[in-house]
Amino acid sequence: MSTSSFAKLPFASDYMESAHPSVLAALAQTAGQPMSGYGTDHMSEEARELIRHACDAPQAEVHFLSGGTQANATMIDVLLAPYQGVVAADTGHVASHEAGAIEAGGHKVLTLPARDGKISAAQIEGLATQYLKDENRDHMVMPGLVYLSQPTELGTIYTLEELEDISHAAHAHGMHVYVDGARLAYALASTQDNASLADIARLADAFYIGGTKCGALFGEAVVVPQAGLVPHLFTLIKQHGALLAKGWAIGAQFGALLRDDLYLRIGEGANQQAARIAQALAERGFLAATPQTNQVFAILPNETYRALSERVDLSFWERPDEAHTMVRIATSWATRDEDVDALVALLRA
């Protein structure tokens, strides 16, 4: 998307472009090729094998779902018993920006206070212990699953050590671990991250590799490292409205993303552009925190926010006080040097 076809500089989110050229080329190759439906085609199976190899999980189940909310709502529901809830950071996506999708599925979101967008193993241990010691626990929602996102809703990263500690604490109390990977490409490419796809597959009971925000036109790849963990998962995905009849349309995209390290390279470019913007914000004293991925948070005087909003498409986040506005600036695989140059010039003006 060029600035000439979009009224403002496009930094509101990381899904403002259609898809990476390699993904579009893969989709174009499907033209004139009749294929079986629901992800049973050869392109989807090739993508599954690429994902299994990248995750070092040769027996993993891989399912292609239509979107991130569908992936979260489906997997959290099928991993939980009816009397269980999902543990999440109070800033977590399922707790704040998913329109009550989890609650609509019949499961309470049990929030823990986040620090820099993250929760800790100690908090999970404390919550589980508190539940076990409560003599009224049979009248309460049992914590049954820990939800993490990598990166977090604030763009921060769980380190490998943190993931290992959380996985151990959750599993010690019979809880599943589920990782929302909507922006996983940017986490894997972060200089702050030392957790690989194989690490996530080893430590989580289920997770998804994000496509929509990471170069795909649409779609996510749900990975269940232990095949058969959820009986009849394919059927349950369809029951939840997350199964695409033209499954090859997602499989073809993930085949392109997982070849030749494209997924990782997509993340690297976006993170580098975010670092450039963060430097300009820091020079003005606007930077809220040093970014670890492709999301940059800034606290702007209201006058600056209003002026900048006339030229730049930003995401409003919150108002920390009456005089300031917090915004999110997001880069993506498609962020152009000239758009970053223009934004930096505006910030320095």
Protein backbone atom coordinates (compact mmCIF):
# COMPACT_ATOMS: atom_id res chain seq x y z
CA MET A 1 0.00 0.00 0.00
CA SER A 2 1.50 3.30 -1.01
CA THR A 3 0.93 6.56 0.80
CA SER A 4 -0.62 7.94 -2.39
CA SER A 5 -3.48 5.42 -2.14
CA PHE A 6 -3.89 5.80 1.62
CA ALA A 7 -4.66 9.21 3.10
CA LYS A 8 -2.38 8.74 6.12
CA LEU A 9 0.88 6.98 6.86
CA PRO A 10 -0.22 3.39 7.66
CA PHE A 11 0.91 2.45 11.15
CA ALA A 12 -2.34 1.46 12.88
CA SER A 13 -1.78 -2.28 12.70
CA ASP A 14 0.17 -5.09 11.06
CA TYR A 15 -2.65 -6.39 8.84
CA MET A 16 -3.19 -3.32 6.67
CA GLU A 17 -1.66 -4.91 3.55
CA SER A 18 -3.09 -7.85 1.64
CA ALA A 19 -0.27 -10.44 1.68
CA HIS A 20 3.42 -10.93 1.00
CA PRO A 21 4.16 -11.34 -2.75
CA SER A 22 5.35 -14.92 -2.19
CA VAL A 23 2.04 -15.73 -0.52
CA LEU A 24 0.06 -14.15 -3.33
CA ALA A 25 2.13 -16.12 -5.84
CA ALA A 26 1.35 -19.35 -3.98
CA LEU A 27 -2.35 -18.51 -4.05
CA ALA A 28 -2.14 -17.75 -7.75
CA GLN A 29 -0.75 -21.23 -8.33
CA THR A 30 -4.02 -22.69 -7.07
CA ALA A 31 -5.92 -21.20 -10.02
CA GLY A 32 -7.34 -23.92 -12.24
CA GLN A 33 -6.37 -26.69 -9.82
CA PRO A 34 -9.37 -28.51 -8.36
CA MET A 35 -8.44 -29.63 -4.84
CA SER A 36 -10.15 -31.48 -2.04
CA GLY A 37 -11.66 -29.39 0.71
CA TYR A 38 -11.14 -28.69 4.38
CA GLY A 39 -7.35 -28.85 4.30
CA THR A 40 -7.11 -32.38 2.93
CA ASP A 41 -5.27 -31.23 -0.21
CA HIS A 42 -1.60 -31.74 -1.07
CA MET A 43 -0.63 -28.07 -0.55
CA SER A 44 -1.96 -28.12 3.00
CA GLU A 45 -0.15 -31.37 3.73
CA GLU A 46 3.12 -29.92 2.41
CA ALA A 47 2.63 -26.92 4.69
CA ARG A 48 1.97 -29.23 7.64
CA GLU A 49 5.23 -31.04 7.04
CA LEU A 50 7.13 -27.75 6.87
CA ILE A 51 5.55 -26.70 10.17
CA ARG A 52 6.31 -30.04 11.84
CA HIS A 53 9.92 -29.76 10.74
CA ALA A 54 10.23 -26.16 11.99
CA CYS A 55 8.71 -27.18 15.33
CA ASP A 56 10.80 -30.37 15.59
CA ALA A 57 7.51 -32.13 16.26
CA PRO A 58 7.12 -34.84 13.60
CA GLN A 59 3.91 -36.25 15.10
CA ALA A 60 2.16 -32.94 15.70
CA GLU A 61 -1.36 -32.25 14.54
CA VAL A 62 -1.57 -29.11 12.39
CA HIS A 63 -4.92 -27.53 11.58
CA PHE A 64 -5.57 -24.41 9.52
CA LEU A 65 -8.19 -22.10 11.04
CA SER A 66 -9.77 -19.02 9.55
CA GLY A 67 -8.62 -16.40 12.08
CA GLY A 68 -7.05 -15.60 15.43
CA THR A 69 -10.22 -15.13 17.47
CA GLN A 70 -11.56 -18.37 16.04
CA ALA A 71 -8.31 -20.14 16.96
CA ASN A 72 -8.34 -18.81 20.53
CA ALA A 73 -12.03 -19.44 21.15
CA THR A 74 -11.92 -22.93 19.66
CA MET A 75 -8.75 -24.20 21.29
CA ILE A 76 -9.45 -22.76 24.73
CA ASP A 77 -12.93 -24.26 24.66
CA VAL A 78 -11.85 -27.75 23.57
CA LEU A 79 -8.92 -27.88 26.01
CA LEU A 80 -11.10 -26.98 29.00
CA ALA A 81 -13.76 -28.89 30.88
CA PRO A 82 -17.08 -27.02 31.29
CA TYR A 83 -16.24 -26.10 34.90
CA GLN A 84 -12.80 -24.69 34.11
CA GLY A 85 -11.52 -21.23 33.24
CA VAL A 86 -8.51 -19.78 31.46
CA VAL A 87 -5.76 -17.94 33.32
CA ALA A 88 -4.50 -14.85 31.50
CA ALA A 89 -2.78 -11.54 32.06
CA ASP A 90 -5.23 -8.72 32.69
CA THR A 91 -3.77 -7.09 29.57
CA GLY A 92 -4.02 -10.33 27.56
CA HIS A 93 -5.87 -10.36 24.27
CA VAL A 94 -8.54 -12.81 25.44
CA ALA A 95 -9.16 -10.64 28.50
CA SER A 96 -9.21 -7.25 26.82
CA HIS A 97 -9.59 -7.18 23.04
CA GLU A 98 -11.58 -10.25 22.05
CA ALA A 99 -15.11 -8.99 22.69
CA GLY A 100 -15.86 -11.66 25.30
CA ALA A 101 -15.36 -14.52 22.83
CA ILE A 102 -14.04 -16.84 25.54
CA GLU A 103 -16.86 -16.04 27.95
CA ALA A 104 -19.35 -16.53 25.12
CA GLY A 105 -18.00 -20.07 24.84
CA GLY A 106 -18.82 -20.71 28.48
CA HIS A 107 -15.44 -20.22 30.13
CA LYS A 108 -14.44 -17.51 32.56
CA VAL A 109 -11.18 -15.61 32.03
CA LEU A 110 -9.28 -15.59 35.33
CA THR A 111 -7.01 -12.57 35.13
CA LEU A 112 -3.71 -11.98 36.88
CA PRO A 113 -2.08 -8.53 37.12
CA ALA A 114 0.50 -8.26 34.36
CA ARG A 115 3.93 -6.71 34.51
CA ASP A 116 5.02 -5.42 31.11
CA GLY A 117 2.23 -7.51 29.64
CA LYS A 118 3.45 -10.75 31.20
CA ILE A 119 2.43 -13.09 34.00
CA SER A 120 4.83 -15.30 35.94
CA ALA A 121 5.12 -18.88 37.10
CA ALA A 122 4.92 -17.66 40.69
CA GLN A 123 1.53 -16.04 40.02
CA ILE A 124 0.22 -19.22 38.40
CA GLU A 125 1.49 -21.29 41.30
CA GLY A 126 -0.16 -18.89 43.75
CA LEU A 127 -3.52 -18.98 41.96
CA ALA A 128 -3.54 -22.77 41.74
CA THR A 129 -2.58 -23.14 45.41
CA GLN A 130 -5.23 -20.63 46.47
CA TYR A 131 -7.87 -22.61 44.59
CA LEU A 132 -6.80 -25.92 46.14
CA LYS A 133 -6.83 -24.49 49.67
CA ASP A 134 -10.23 -22.85 49.28
CA GLU A 135 -12.83 -24.98 51.05
CA ASN A 136 -15.47 -23.51 48.74
CA ARG A 137 -13.61 -24.47 45.56
CA ASP A 138 -16.41 -26.79 44.40
CA HIS A 139 -18.52 -23.66 44.00
CA MET A 140 -15.86 -21.84 41.98
CA VAL A 141 -14.29 -21.87 38.53
CA MET A 142 -11.26 -24.15 38.41
CA PRO A 143 -8.16 -22.79 36.64
CA GLY A 144 -7.64 -25.25 33.80
CA LEU A 145 -5.45 -23.56 31.21
CA VAL A 146 -2.81 -20.85 31.07
CA TYR A 147 -3.08 -18.47 28.12
CA LEU A 148 0.04 -16.67 26.92
CA SER A 149 0.68 -14.65 23.81
CA GLN A 150 4.10 -14.45 22.22
CA PRO A 151 4.68 -11.56 21.93
CA THR A 152 2.30 -10.12 24.51
CA GLU A 153 -0.40 -7.58 23.87
CA LEU A 154 2.21 -4.93 24.77
CA GLY A 155 4.79 -6.32 22.36
CA THR A 156 7.00 -7.81 25.07
CA ILE A 157 8.63 -11.23 24.96
CA TYR A 158 8.51 -14.24 27.22
CA THR A 159 12.07 -15.55 27.49
CA LEU A 160 12.79 -19.25 27.20
CA GLU A 161 13.40 -19.42 30.94
CA GLU A 162 10.05 -17.76 31.66
CA LEU A 163 8.24 -20.13 29.30
CA GLU A 164 9.90 -23.14 30.90
CA ASP A 165 8.97 -21.98 34.41
CA ILE A 166 5.36 -21.25 33.41
CA SER A 167 5.01 -24.58 31.62
CA HIS A 168 6.32 -26.44 34.66
CA ALA A 169 4.04 -24.57 37.08
CA ALA A 170 0.95 -25.07 34.94
CA HIS A 171 1.54 -28.75 34.26
CA ALA A 172 2.36 -29.41 37.92
CA HIS A 173 -1.22 -28.34 38.69
CA GLY A 174 -2.85 -30.18 35.80
CA MET A 175 -3.31 -27.09 33.65
CA HIS A 176 -2.76 -26.92 29.91
CA VAL A 177 -0.56 -24.24 28.33
CA TYR A 178 -1.83 -22.49 25.22
CA VAL A 179 0.15 -19.87 23.28
CA ASP A 180 -1.47 -17.27 21.03
CA GLY A 181 1.02 -16.67 18.22
CA ALA A 182 -0.85 -14.03 16.24
CA ARG A 183 2.41 -12.05 15.91
CA LEU A 184 4.79 -14.96 16.41
CA ALA A 185 6.99 -14.02 13.44
CA TYR A 186 7.98 -10.80 15.18
CA ALA A 187 8.71 -12.59 18.45
CA LEU A 188 10.85 -15.25 16.81
CA ALA A 189 12.84 -12.53 15.04
CA SER A 190 13.28 -10.37 18.13
CA THR A 191 16.78 -9.86 19.51
CA GLN A 192 15.19 -10.25 22.96
CA ASP A 193 13.84 -13.74 22.27
CA ASN A 194 15.75 -16.96 22.78
CA ALA A 195 12.73 -19.26 22.46
CA SER A 196 12.38 -21.06 19.14
CA LEU A 197 9.38 -22.69 17.52
CA ALA A 198 10.72 -26.03 18.73
CA ASP A 199 10.85 -24.67 22.30
CA ILE A 200 7.23 -23.53 22.13
CA ALA A 201 6.19 -26.92 20.74
CA ARG A 202 8.02 -28.61 23.60
CA LEU A 203 6.53 -26.43 26.35
CA ALA A 204 2.97 -25.72 25.16
CA ASP A 205 0.09 -28.16 24.77
CA ALA A 206 -1.23 -26.16 21.83
CA PHE A 207 -0.34 -22.94 20.04
CA TYR A 208 -0.85 -21.24 16.75
CA ILE A 209 1.48 -19.75 14.20
CA GLY A 210 -0.03 -16.45 13.14
CA GLY A 211 -0.59 -15.76 9.48
CA THR A 212 -3.03 -12.83 9.30
CA LYS A 213 -0.63 -10.38 10.98
CA CYS A 214 2.51 -11.96 9.58
CA GLY A 215 2.26 -11.79 5.81
CA ALA A 216 -0.72 -14.01 5.01
CA LEU A 217 -3.95 -12.83 3.49
CA PHE A 218 -5.79 -14.62 6.28
CA GLY A 219 -5.59 -17.77 8.38
CA GLU A 220 -3.68 -19.29 11.30
CA ALA A 221 -1.94 -22.63 11.80
CA VAL A 222 -2.88 -24.38 15.06
CA VAL A 223 -0.26 -26.86 16.26
CA VAL A 224 -0.96 -29.59 18.81
CA PRO A 225 2.40 -31.27 19.47
CA GLN A 226 0.84 -34.34 21.11
CA ALA A 227 -1.41 -35.79 18.42
CA GLY A 228 -4.72 -36.96 19.79
CA LEU A 229 -4.63 -34.69 22.82
CA VAL A 230 -8.10 -33.46 21.82
CA PRO A 231 -10.17 -36.30 20.31
CA HIS A 232 -12.04 -35.40 17.13
CA LEU A 233 -10.37 -31.98 16.96
CA PHE A 234 -11.13 -31.57 13.26
CA THR A 235 -14.85 -32.02 13.98
CA LEU A 236 -14.72 -29.61 16.91
CA ILE A 237 -13.01 -26.97 14.78
CA LYS A 238 -15.85 -27.22 12.28
CA GLN A 239 -18.41 -27.10 15.09
CA HIS A 240 -16.87 -23.81 16.23
CA GLY A 241 -17.18 -22.28 12.76
CA ALA A 242 -13.42 -22.04 12.26
CA LEU A 243 -12.97 -24.57 9.44
CA LEU A 244 -12.63 -23.22 5.92
CA ALA A 245 -14.09 -25.34 3.11
CA LYS A 246 -11.38 -24.08 0.75
CA GLY A 247 -8.70 -25.10 3.23
CA TRP A 248 -6.05 -25.07 0.54
CA ALA A 249 -6.34 -21.28 0.51
CA ILE A 250 -4.68 -21.27 3.94
CA GLY A 251 -2.39 -24.25 3.37
CA ALA A 252 -0.88 -22.66 0.26
CA GLN A 253 -0.10 -19.49 2.20
CA PHE A 254 1.65 -21.29 5.05
CA GLY A 255 3.64 -23.32 2.58
CA ALA A 256 5.03 -20.07 1.22
CA LEU A 257 5.61 -18.55 4.67
CA LEU A 258 7.52 -21.55 6.03
CA ARG A 259 9.83 -21.97 3.02
CA ASP A 260 13.29 -20.39 2.93
CA ASP A 261 12.89 -18.74 6.38
CA LEU A 262 10.40 -16.23 4.95
CA TYR A 263 8.41 -16.18 8.20
CA LEU A 264 11.51 -15.21 10.18
CA ARG A 265 12.65 -12.65 7.62
CA ILE A 266 9.21 -11.01 7.70
CA GLY A 267 9.63 -10.50 11.43
CA GLU A 268 13.17 -9.17 11.22
CA GLY A 269 12.28 -6.41 8.78
CA ALA A 270 9.30 -5.22 10.80
CA ASN A 271 11.30 -5.17 14.04
CA GLN A 272 14.06 -3.12 12.43
CA GLN A 273 11.55 -0.54 11.21
CA ALA A 274 10.00 -0.38 14.69
CA ALA A 275 13.44 0.30 16.20
CA ARG A 276 13.90 3.27 13.87
CA ILE A 277 10.59 4.76 14.96
CA ALA A 278 11.35 4.11 18.62
CA GLN A 279 14.62 6.02 18.34
CA ALA A 280 12.83 9.08 16.97
CA LEU A 281 10.21 8.87 19.72
CA ALA A 282 12.91 8.55 22.38
CA GLU A 283 14.61 11.68 21.09
CA ARG A 284 11.41 13.62 21.79
CA GLY A 285 10.82 11.93 25.16
CA PHE A 286 7.65 10.23 23.89
CA LEU A 287 8.73 6.58 23.99
CA ALA A 288 6.82 4.59 26.62
CA ALA A 289 9.17 1.57 26.58
CA THR A 290 11.90 0.17 24.37
CA PRO A 291 10.13 -2.11 21.86
CA GLN A 292 11.01 -5.79 21.69
CA THR A 293 9.02 -6.53 18.55
CA ASN A 294 7.05 -4.62 15.90
CA GLN A 295 4.78 -2.70 18.27
CA VAL A 296 5.93 0.68 19.57
CA PHE A 297 4.06 2.43 22.37
CA ALA A 298 4.31 6.17 22.86
CA ILE A 299 2.85 8.65 25.32
CA LEU A 300 2.08 11.89 23.51
CA PRO A 301 0.86 15.28 24.72
CA ASN A 302 -2.72 15.60 23.52
CA GLU A 303 -1.82 18.43 21.13
CA THR A 304 0.91 16.28 19.56
CA TYR A 305 -1.48 13.34 19.33
CA ARG A 306 -4.09 15.41 17.53
CA ALA A 307 -1.57 16.90 15.10
CA LEU A 308 0.10 13.56 14.39
CA SER A 309 -3.26 11.83 13.89
CA GLU A 310 -4.01 14.13 10.98
CA ARG A 311 -1.03 12.67 9.09
CA VAL A 312 -0.56 9.20 10.60
CA ASP A 313 -2.96 6.31 11.13
CA LEU A 314 -2.27 5.32 14.76
CA SER A 315 -3.96 3.00 17.26
CA PHE A 316 -5.39 4.75 20.30
CA TRP A 317 -4.45 2.79 23.41
CA GLU A 318 -5.44 4.71 26.54
CA ARG A 319 -5.30 8.06 28.32
CA PRO A 320 -2.81 7.84 31.19
CA ASP A 321 -3.89 11.31 32.35
CA GLU A 322 -5.89 14.29 31.10
CA ALA A 323 -2.94 15.82 29.26
CA HIS A 324 -1.56 12.75 27.47
CA THR A 325 -2.61 9.96 25.13
CA MET A 326 -0.91 6.59 24.74
CA VAL A 327 -0.80 5.24 21.19
CA ARG A 328 0.50 2.16 19.48
CA ILE A 329 2.50 2.35 16.28
CA ALA A 330 2.74 -0.99 14.49
CA THR A 331 5.07 -1.97 11.68
CA SER A 332 4.76 -5.07 9.51
CA TRP A 333 6.44 -7.07 6.77
CA ALA A 334 5.16 -4.43 4.33
CA THR A 335 6.35 -1.27 6.11
CA ARG A 336 8.27 0.84 3.62
CA ASP A 337 11.41 2.83 4.29
CA GLU A 338 9.83 5.98 2.86
CA ASP A 339 6.84 5.73 5.22
CA VAL A 340 9.15 5.34 8.22
CA ASP A 341 11.26 8.25 6.95
CA ALA A 342 8.13 10.41 6.72
CA LEU A 343 6.98 9.44 10.21
CA VAL A 344 10.42 10.09 11.70
CA ALA A 345 10.52 13.49 10.00
CA LEU A 346 7.13 14.36 11.47
CA LEU A 347 8.26 13.33 14.94
CA ARG A 348 11.44 15.38 14.67
CA ALA A 349 9.73 18.45 13.19
